[in-house]
N, C-alpha and C. Protein backbone atom coordinates (compact mmCIF):
# COMPACT_ATOMS: atom_id res chain seq x y z
N MET A 1 140.36 50.92 61.51
CA MET A 1 139.39 50.52 60.50
C MET A 1 138.64 49.28 60.99
N LYS A 2 137.75 49.53 61.88
CA LYS A 2 137.02 48.40 62.45
C LYS A 2 136.06 47.79 61.44
N ASN A 3 135.06 48.55 61.06
CA ASN A 3 134.05 48.03 60.14
C ASN A 3 133.56 49.17 59.26
N LEU A 4 133.83 49.11 57.99
CA LEU A 4 133.44 50.19 57.10
C LEU A 4 132.02 50.03 56.54
N ILE A 5 131.45 48.85 56.71
CA ILE A 5 130.09 48.62 56.19
C ILE A 5 129.09 48.96 57.28
N LEU A 6 128.36 50.04 57.08
CA LEU A 6 127.35 50.46 58.05
C LEU A 6 125.98 49.97 57.59
N PRO A 7 125.20 49.39 58.49
CA PRO A 7 123.85 48.97 58.11
C PRO A 7 122.97 50.20 57.85
N LEU A 8 122.32 50.22 56.71
CA LEU A 8 121.49 51.35 56.34
C LEU A 8 120.02 51.13 56.68
N VAL A 9 119.68 49.90 57.04
CA VAL A 9 118.28 49.58 57.31
C VAL A 9 118.20 48.85 58.64
N ASN A 10 117.27 49.29 59.48
CA ASN A 10 116.98 48.57 60.71
C ASN A 10 115.69 47.81 60.49
N TRP A 11 115.79 46.52 60.18
CA TRP A 11 114.62 45.74 59.78
C TRP A 11 113.62 45.60 60.91
N GLY A 12 114.08 45.53 62.14
CA GLY A 12 113.18 45.40 63.28
C GLY A 12 112.30 46.64 63.42
N MET A 13 112.91 47.80 63.38
CA MET A 13 112.15 49.05 63.53
C MET A 13 111.24 49.27 62.32
N GLY A 14 111.70 48.90 61.14
CA GLY A 14 110.87 49.05 59.95
C GLY A 14 109.63 48.19 60.01
N ALA A 15 109.76 46.97 60.51
CA ALA A 15 108.61 46.08 60.64
C ALA A 15 107.63 46.63 61.66
N ILE A 16 108.14 47.20 62.74
CA ILE A 16 107.25 47.79 63.76
C ILE A 16 106.49 48.98 63.18
N ILE A 17 107.17 49.82 62.44
CA ILE A 17 106.52 51.00 61.85
C ILE A 17 105.45 50.57 60.85
N ILE A 18 105.75 49.57 60.03
CA ILE A 18 104.75 49.08 59.08
C ILE A 18 103.55 48.50 59.82
N GLY A 19 103.79 47.77 60.91
CA GLY A 19 102.69 47.22 61.70
C GLY A 19 101.82 48.30 62.31
N VAL A 20 102.43 49.34 62.84
CA VAL A 20 101.67 50.45 63.42
C VAL A 20 100.86 51.15 62.34
N PHE A 21 101.45 51.35 61.17
CA PHE A 21 100.74 51.99 60.07
C PHE A 21 99.53 51.15 59.64
N ALA A 22 99.70 49.83 59.59
CA ALA A 22 98.58 48.95 59.23
C ALA A 22 97.47 49.02 60.26
N ILE A 23 97.82 49.04 61.54
CA ILE A 23 96.81 49.13 62.59
C ILE A 23 96.06 50.46 62.50
N VAL A 24 96.77 51.55 62.27
CA VAL A 24 96.12 52.86 62.14
C VAL A 24 95.17 52.87 60.95
N CYS A 25 95.57 52.29 59.83
CA CYS A 25 94.70 52.23 58.65
C CYS A 25 93.44 51.41 58.94
N ILE A 26 93.59 50.29 59.61
CA ILE A 26 92.43 49.45 59.93
C ILE A 26 91.49 50.19 60.87
N VAL A 27 92.02 50.87 61.87
CA VAL A 27 91.18 51.63 62.80
C VAL A 27 90.43 52.74 62.06
N MET A 28 91.11 53.43 61.15
CA MET A 28 90.45 54.50 60.40
C MET A 28 89.32 53.94 59.52
N ILE A 29 89.54 52.79 58.90
CA ILE A 29 88.51 52.18 58.07
C ILE A 29 87.30 51.81 58.92
N VAL A 30 87.54 51.24 60.10
CA VAL A 30 86.44 50.85 60.99
C VAL A 30 85.67 52.07 61.46
N VAL A 31 86.36 53.14 61.80
CA VAL A 31 85.70 54.36 62.26
C VAL A 31 84.83 54.96 61.15
N ILE A 32 85.36 55.03 59.94
CA ILE A 32 84.60 55.59 58.82
C ILE A 32 83.39 54.71 58.52
N TYR A 33 83.56 53.39 58.57
CA TYR A 33 82.46 52.46 58.32
C TYR A 33 81.36 52.64 59.37
N ASN A 34 81.76 52.78 60.64
CA ASN A 34 80.76 52.98 61.70
C ASN A 34 80.06 54.32 61.56
N LEU A 35 80.78 55.36 61.17
CA LEU A 35 80.14 56.66 60.97
C LEU A 35 79.14 56.60 59.82
N ALA A 36 79.47 55.91 58.76
CA ALA A 36 78.56 55.80 57.62
C ALA A 36 77.30 55.03 58.02
N ASN A 37 77.45 53.96 58.78
CA ASN A 37 76.29 53.18 59.18
C ASN A 37 75.44 53.90 60.21
N SER A 38 76.03 54.65 61.13
CA SER A 38 75.24 55.38 62.12
C SER A 38 74.47 56.51 61.45
N ASP A 39 75.02 57.10 60.38
CA ASP A 39 74.32 58.15 59.66
C ASP A 39 73.07 57.59 58.98
N LYS A 40 73.16 56.40 58.41
CA LYS A 40 72.01 55.77 57.77
C LYS A 40 70.92 55.48 58.79
N GLU A 41 71.29 54.97 59.96
CA GLU A 41 70.31 54.65 61.00
C GLU A 41 69.64 55.92 61.51
N LYS A 42 70.39 57.00 61.65
CA LYS A 42 69.82 58.25 62.13
C LYS A 42 68.81 58.79 61.14
N ASN A 43 69.13 58.75 59.85
CA ASN A 43 68.22 59.23 58.83
C ASN A 43 66.96 58.36 58.75
N ASP A 44 67.07 57.06 58.96
CA ASP A 44 65.90 56.20 58.91
C ASP A 44 64.95 56.51 60.05
N THR A 45 65.42 56.87 61.21
CA THR A 45 64.54 57.11 62.36
C THR A 45 63.95 58.51 62.31
N THR A 46 64.61 59.47 61.68
CA THR A 46 64.08 60.84 61.66
C THR A 46 63.05 61.04 60.57
N HIS A 47 63.07 60.19 59.54
CA HIS A 47 62.11 60.33 58.44
C HIS A 47 61.33 59.02 58.28
N PRO A 48 60.32 58.81 59.13
CA PRO A 48 59.55 57.56 58.99
C PRO A 48 58.73 57.58 57.70
N GLU A 49 58.54 56.40 57.14
CA GLU A 49 57.73 56.30 55.93
C GLU A 49 56.26 56.46 56.28
N VAL A 50 55.51 57.10 55.40
CA VAL A 50 54.09 57.36 55.65
C VAL A 50 53.26 56.27 55.04
């Protein structure tokens, strides 16, 4: 009976996973923002005002 209390949480790995998830979310937000802005610029150049 060495040790009956088993750790159920690995805090180091959990922090790394949360960090990776945050980075992925930030990258997705930046990509969507850039796509939205490039679409506006494309529409402005294809339809000049008369």
